[in-house]
Amino acid sequence: MAFTDIGDVRLFHTDDGSGDTTLLLVHGLGSDSCEWVHHIPDLATRYRVIAVDMRGHGHSSAPGTGNTPRRMADDLALLCAELGVESCVAIGHSMGGQIVSHLAVEHPSLVRALVTVDPGYGFAGATAEYLPVLVERMREDVIGVSLGNEEWTATAATPGWLREWHRRRILATPPHVLLQAFEAMFGGPDAMGLRPASEAYLTRRACPVLTFWFDPAQAAWEAGLFKDPHSKAVLWEGSGHRLHEERPGEFLIVVTNWLRSLP
């Protein structure tokens, strides 16, 4: 079935392909699992691929509370148990990078390896000072601020269709979900999106990590946190925030080659 009831939420998910390795695909804030349509057909020829609409997103239900990355990670652990998944490679973009990192730290026996794509953590300096300000602004105009925040995600090379697709996904996401998730990432008491909280939490990831960044400073910073020798930071300068959607073919090559290199 495409829907599974997990506690207070009903999750939509797809389950394609087969193989000894299961890939768990996790989208970003204000998106859904359609974010992976360019990747699923190819990956499903080699792996079992599970793509999920996180709580409050896409076709999954939107509880009034609990729409945070930590809770979403717990949802994934419960979903994996329902689907008979004992080990997986968790792949997360943006907020999804936080979610899969929570999954790896809090459920280490489940996560064999991580792939994070321009993840929503590790911000410092002026950006770190500005993100809590955005949280306060979102309280007054969630959709307007969320759409405005989209401006930094693209470059001149980002296709117009991709910008429009994500604009429409934001418009389709319940405002309370956008606010709760964003605040939990950058403004709440357990937020791990800003340094030094990011460093304290991410160093608890013991598994191999492959991370993609368009910012050289962020890539170098995360490389310094790796615990497993098979971990790797990939820098794609000139890409936008959704680099896996802008360059899906290259993304698939890098990810599959890295997965093959793991013990």
Protein backbone atom coordinates (compact mmCIF):
# COMPACT_ATOMS: atom_id res chain seq x y z
CA MET A 1 0.00 0.00 0.00
CA ALA A 2 1.07 3.59 -0.58
CA PHE A 3 -0.11 4.75 2.86
CA THR A 4 0.94 3.61 6.32
CA ASP A 5 -0.53 4.82 9.61
CA ILE A 6 2.20 5.69 12.14
CA GLY A 7 0.81 6.93 15.46
CA ASP A 8 -0.72 10.36 14.84
CA VAL A 9 0.18 10.54 11.16
CA ARG A 10 -0.59 8.77 7.89
CA LEU A 11 2.46 8.66 5.64
CA PHE A 12 2.39 8.41 1.88
CA HIS A 13 5.33 6.51 0.44
CA THR A 14 6.41 4.56 -2.61
CA ASP A 15 8.46 1.37 -2.59
CA ASP A 16 10.28 0.50 -5.81
CA GLY A 17 13.01 -1.86 -6.93
CA SER A 18 14.77 -4.55 -4.95
CA GLY A 19 18.20 -5.53 -3.72
CA ASP A 20 20.30 -6.04 -0.63
CA THR A 21 20.50 -2.29 0.00
CA THR A 22 17.50 -0.09 0.77
CA LEU A 23 17.64 3.64 0.00
CA LEU A 24 15.39 5.95 2.01
CA LEU A 25 14.79 9.25 0.17
CA VAL A 26 13.83 12.29 2.27
CA HIS A 27 12.77 15.65 0.79
CA GLY A 28 13.22 19.17 2.13
CA LEU A 29 10.86 21.63 3.81
CA GLY A 30 7.84 22.62 1.75
CA SER A 31 8.46 19.86 -0.77
CA ASP A 32 7.48 16.20 -1.13
CA SER A 33 8.79 12.91 -2.46
CA CYS A 34 8.22 14.00 -6.07
CA GLU A 35 11.54 15.80 -5.53
CA TRP A 36 13.13 12.43 -6.36
CA VAL A 37 11.32 11.62 -9.62
CA HIS A 38 14.53 12.14 -11.61
CA HIS A 39 16.39 9.66 -9.43
CA ILE A 40 14.01 6.85 -8.49
CA PRO A 41 13.84 5.04 -11.89
CA ASP A 42 17.63 4.71 -12.11
CA LEU A 43 18.18 3.87 -8.45
CA ALA A 44 15.41 1.26 -8.49
CA THR A 45 17.37 -0.78 -11.05
CA ARG A 46 20.01 -1.41 -8.35
CA TYR A 47 18.36 -0.90 -4.97
CA ARG A 48 15.12 -1.02 -3.07
CA VAL A 49 14.02 2.63 -3.02
CA ILE A 50 11.54 4.04 -0.49
CA ALA A 51 10.50 7.68 -0.97
CA VAL A 52 8.32 9.28 1.70
CA ASP A 53 6.16 12.38 2.01
CA MET A 54 7.08 13.56 5.50
CA ARG A 55 4.34 14.50 7.97
CA GLY A 56 2.61 17.70 6.90
CA HIS A 57 3.89 17.41 3.32
CA GLY A 58 2.56 16.08 0.05
CA HIS A 59 -0.06 13.38 0.45
CA SER A 60 0.76 12.60 4.09
CA SER A 61 -1.46 13.92 6.86
CA ALA A 62 -0.66 17.15 8.71
CA PRO A 63 -1.09 16.87 12.50
CA GLY A 64 -1.59 20.11 14.39
CA THR A 65 1.64 19.60 16.32
CA GLY A 66 4.88 17.64 16.11
CA ASN A 67 5.91 18.72 12.61
CA THR A 68 9.63 18.80 13.41
CA PRO A 69 12.70 17.09 11.93
CA ARG A 70 13.23 14.99 15.07
CA ARG A 71 9.65 13.74 15.01
CA MET A 72 9.90 13.08 11.28
CA ALA A 73 13.01 10.96 11.89
CA ASP A 74 11.07 8.92 14.46
CA ASP A 75 8.29 8.50 11.88
CA LEU A 76 10.83 7.07 9.44
CA ALA A 77 12.14 4.60 12.01
CA LEU A 78 8.61 3.36 12.65
CA LEU A 79 7.86 3.20 8.92
CA CYS A 80 11.00 1.14 8.30
CA ALA A 81 9.89 -1.29 11.00
CA GLU A 82 6.47 -1.59 9.33
CA LEU A 83 8.11 -2.23 5.94
CA GLY A 84 10.62 -4.74 7.25
CA VAL A 85 13.66 -2.53 6.67
CA GLU A 86 16.42 -3.38 9.15
CA SER A 87 19.17 -1.32 7.50
CA CYS A 88 19.17 1.51 4.98
CA VAL A 89 21.12 4.28 3.33
CA ALA A 90 19.25 7.48 4.19
CA ILE A 91 19.44 10.30 1.64
CA GLY A 92 18.14 13.73 2.64
CA HIS A 93 18.00 17.18 1.04
CA SER A 94 17.95 20.44 3.04
CA MET A 95 15.64 19.79 6.01
CA GLY A 96 15.89 16.18 4.95
CA GLY A 97 19.60 16.41 5.80
CA GLN A 98 18.61 17.18 9.36
CA ILE A 99 16.02 14.41 9.39
CA VAL A 100 18.39 11.68 8.21
CA SER A 101 21.08 12.91 10.61
CA HIS A 102 18.61 12.59 13.49
CA LEU A 103 17.81 9.11 12.20
CA ALA A 104 21.50 8.15 12.17
CA VAL A 105 22.14 9.50 15.67
CA GLU A 106 18.98 8.30 17.39
CA HIS A 107 18.57 5.02 15.47
CA PRO A 108 22.16 4.06 14.60
CA SER A 109 21.47 0.38 13.95
CA LEU A 110 19.03 1.34 11.18
CA VAL A 111 21.30 3.65 9.17
CA ARG A 112 24.18 2.05 7.32
CA ALA A 113 25.24 5.28 5.62
CA LEU A 114 24.05 8.85 4.97
CA VAL A 115 23.88 11.11 1.95
CA THR A 116 23.05 14.76 2.69
CA VAL A 117 22.37 17.27 -0.08
CA ASP A 118 23.00 20.93 0.79
CA PRO A 119 21.73 20.06 4.26
CA GLY A 120 19.94 22.47 6.58
CA TYR A 121 22.59 22.60 9.27
CA GLY A 122 25.98 24.12 10.09
CA PHE A 123 25.11 27.75 9.48
CA ALA A 124 27.33 30.39 11.05
CA GLY A 125 28.06 34.11 10.88
CA ALA A 126 25.52 36.47 9.35
CA THR A 127 23.34 33.62 8.10
CA ALA A 128 23.10 32.13 11.58
CA GLU A 129 22.10 35.51 12.98
CA TYR A 130 19.43 36.00 10.33
CA LEU A 131 17.67 32.61 10.49
CA PRO A 132 16.09 33.17 13.95
CA VAL A 133 14.86 36.53 12.64
CA LEU A 134 13.11 34.69 9.81
CA VAL A 135 11.39 32.48 12.36
CA GLU A 136 9.84 35.57 13.98
CA ARG A 137 8.81 36.98 10.61
CA MET A 138 7.16 33.70 9.68
CA ARG A 139 4.84 34.03 12.67
CA GLU A 140 3.21 36.97 10.89
CA ASP A 141 3.39 35.80 7.26
CA VAL A 142 4.40 32.16 6.91
CA ILE A 143 3.74 31.75 3.20
CA GLY A 144 5.14 35.14 2.18
CA VAL A 145 8.39 34.63 4.08
CA SER A 146 8.71 31.05 2.85
CA LEU A 147 8.31 32.14 -0.76
CA GLY A 148 10.76 34.99 -0.22
CA ASN A 149 13.26 32.57 1.26
CA GLU A 150 13.12 30.65 -2.00
CA GLU A 151 15.08 33.40 -3.74
CA TRP A 152 18.45 32.23 -2.40
CA THR A 153 17.90 28.62 -3.48
CA ALA A 154 18.36 29.28 -7.19
CA THR A 155 21.08 30.58 -9.49
CA ALA A 156 20.88 32.01 -13.00
CA ALA A 157 21.30 28.44 -14.26
CA THR A 158 18.35 27.03 -12.28
CA PRO A 159 15.56 26.05 -14.71
CA GLY A 160 12.40 28.11 -14.45
CA TRP A 161 10.25 25.01 -14.20
CA LEU A 162 12.15 23.91 -11.09
CA ARG A 163 11.57 27.25 -9.38
CA GLU A 164 7.86 27.12 -10.23
CA TRP A 165 7.49 23.50 -9.08
CA HIS A 166 8.86 24.33 -5.63
CA ARG A 167 6.88 27.56 -5.39
CA ARG A 168 3.71 25.54 -5.89
CA ARG A 169 4.79 22.94 -3.34
CA ILE A 170 5.24 25.66 -0.71
CA LEU A 171 1.79 27.02 -1.48
CA ALA A 172 0.39 23.51 -0.98
CA THR A 173 2.07 22.98 2.43
CA PRO A 174 -0.01 23.88 5.52
CA PRO A 175 1.37 27.10 7.06
CA HIS A 176 1.59 25.64 10.56
CA VAL A 177 3.82 22.86 9.22
CA LEU A 178 6.21 25.31 7.57
CA LEU A 179 6.45 27.34 10.78
CA GLN A 180 6.86 24.43 13.17
CA ALA A 181 9.52 22.74 11.07
CA PHE A 182 11.51 25.90 10.37
CA GLU A 183 11.46 26.95 14.02
CA ALA A 184 12.56 23.48 15.11
CA MET A 185 15.47 23.68 12.69
CA PHE A 186 16.77 27.11 13.62
CA GLY A 187 15.02 28.66 16.61
CA GLY A 188 13.77 26.05 19.04
CA PRO A 189 15.52 24.81 22.17
CA ASP A 190 16.64 21.61 20.41
CA ALA A 191 17.55 23.25 17.11
CA MET A 192 20.68 21.83 15.51
CA GLY A 193 20.76 23.98 12.37
CA LEU A 194 23.20 26.56 13.74
CA ARG A 195 26.73 26.21 15.01
CA PRO A 196 27.91 25.16 17.56
CA ALA A 197 24.81 23.01 18.09
CA SER A 198 25.35 21.45 14.65
CA GLU A 199 28.87 20.37 15.53
CA ALA A 200 27.87 18.91 18.89
CA TYR A 201 25.14 16.82 17.29
CA LEU A 202 26.68 15.81 13.95
CA THR A 203 29.84 14.44 15.53
CA ARG A 204 27.58 11.73 16.98
CA ARG A 205 27.05 10.30 13.48
CA ALA A 206 29.25 7.21 13.38
CA CYS A 207 28.31 5.94 9.91
CA PRO A 208 29.86 6.91 6.55
CA VAL A 209 28.55 10.25 5.25
CA LEU A 210 28.53 11.62 1.71
CA THR A 211 27.61 15.30 1.69
CA PHE A 212 27.03 17.70 -1.22
CA TRP A 213 27.49 21.48 -0.90
CA PHE A 214 27.70 24.42 -3.27
CA ASP A 215 29.50 26.50 -0.61
CA PRO A 216 33.22 25.66 -0.22
CA ALA A 217 33.33 26.84 3.40
CA GLN A 218 30.39 24.64 4.38
CA ALA A 219 31.88 21.62 2.61
CA ALA A 220 35.21 22.06 4.39
CA TRP A 221 33.48 22.55 7.73
CA GLU A 222 31.46 19.35 7.52
CA ALA A 223 34.44 17.34 6.30
CA GLY A 224 36.05 18.12 9.64
CA LEU A 225 33.21 16.40 11.51
CA PHE A 226 33.37 12.99 9.84
CA LYS A 227 34.00 9.94 11.99
CA ASP A 228 34.10 7.20 9.37
CA PRO A 229 37.07 7.11 6.93
CA HIS A 230 34.78 6.42 3.98
CA SER A 231 33.01 9.76 4.42
CA LYS A 232 33.37 12.38 1.72
CA ALA A 233 32.39 16.00 1.06
CA VAL A 234 31.54 16.89 -2.55
CA LEU A 235 31.68 20.52 -3.68
CA TRP A 236 29.59 21.68 -6.64
CA GLU A 237 30.28 25.39 -6.90
CA GLY A 238 27.85 27.29 -9.09
CA SER A 239 24.94 24.99 -8.28
CA GLY A 240 21.82 26.06 -6.46
CA HIS A 241 20.35 24.67 -3.26
CA ARG A 242 18.58 21.89 -5.16
CA LEU A 243 21.69 20.67 -6.90
CA HIS A 244 20.42 17.07 -7.06
CA GLU A 245 17.47 18.25 -9.15
CA GLU A 246 19.56 20.61 -11.28
CA ARG A 247 22.17 17.92 -12.06
CA PRO A 248 20.39 14.58 -11.51
CA GLY A 249 22.58 12.53 -13.84
CA GLU A 250 25.83 13.60 -12.21
CA PHE A 251 24.29 13.25 -8.77
CA LEU A 252 23.33 9.65 -9.47
CA ILE A 253 26.82 8.81 -10.72
CA VAL A 254 28.52 10.24 -7.63
CA VAL A 255 26.09 8.59 -5.20
CA THR A 256 26.14 5.12 -6.79
CA ASN A 257 29.93 5.11 -7.15
CA TRP A 258 30.27 6.06 -3.47
CA LEU A 259 27.82 3.38 -2.39
CA ARG A 260 29.80 0.78 -4.33
CA SER A 261 32.97 1.89 -2.53
CA LEU A 262 31.57 1.16 0.93
CA PRO A 263 32.63 -2.05 2.67
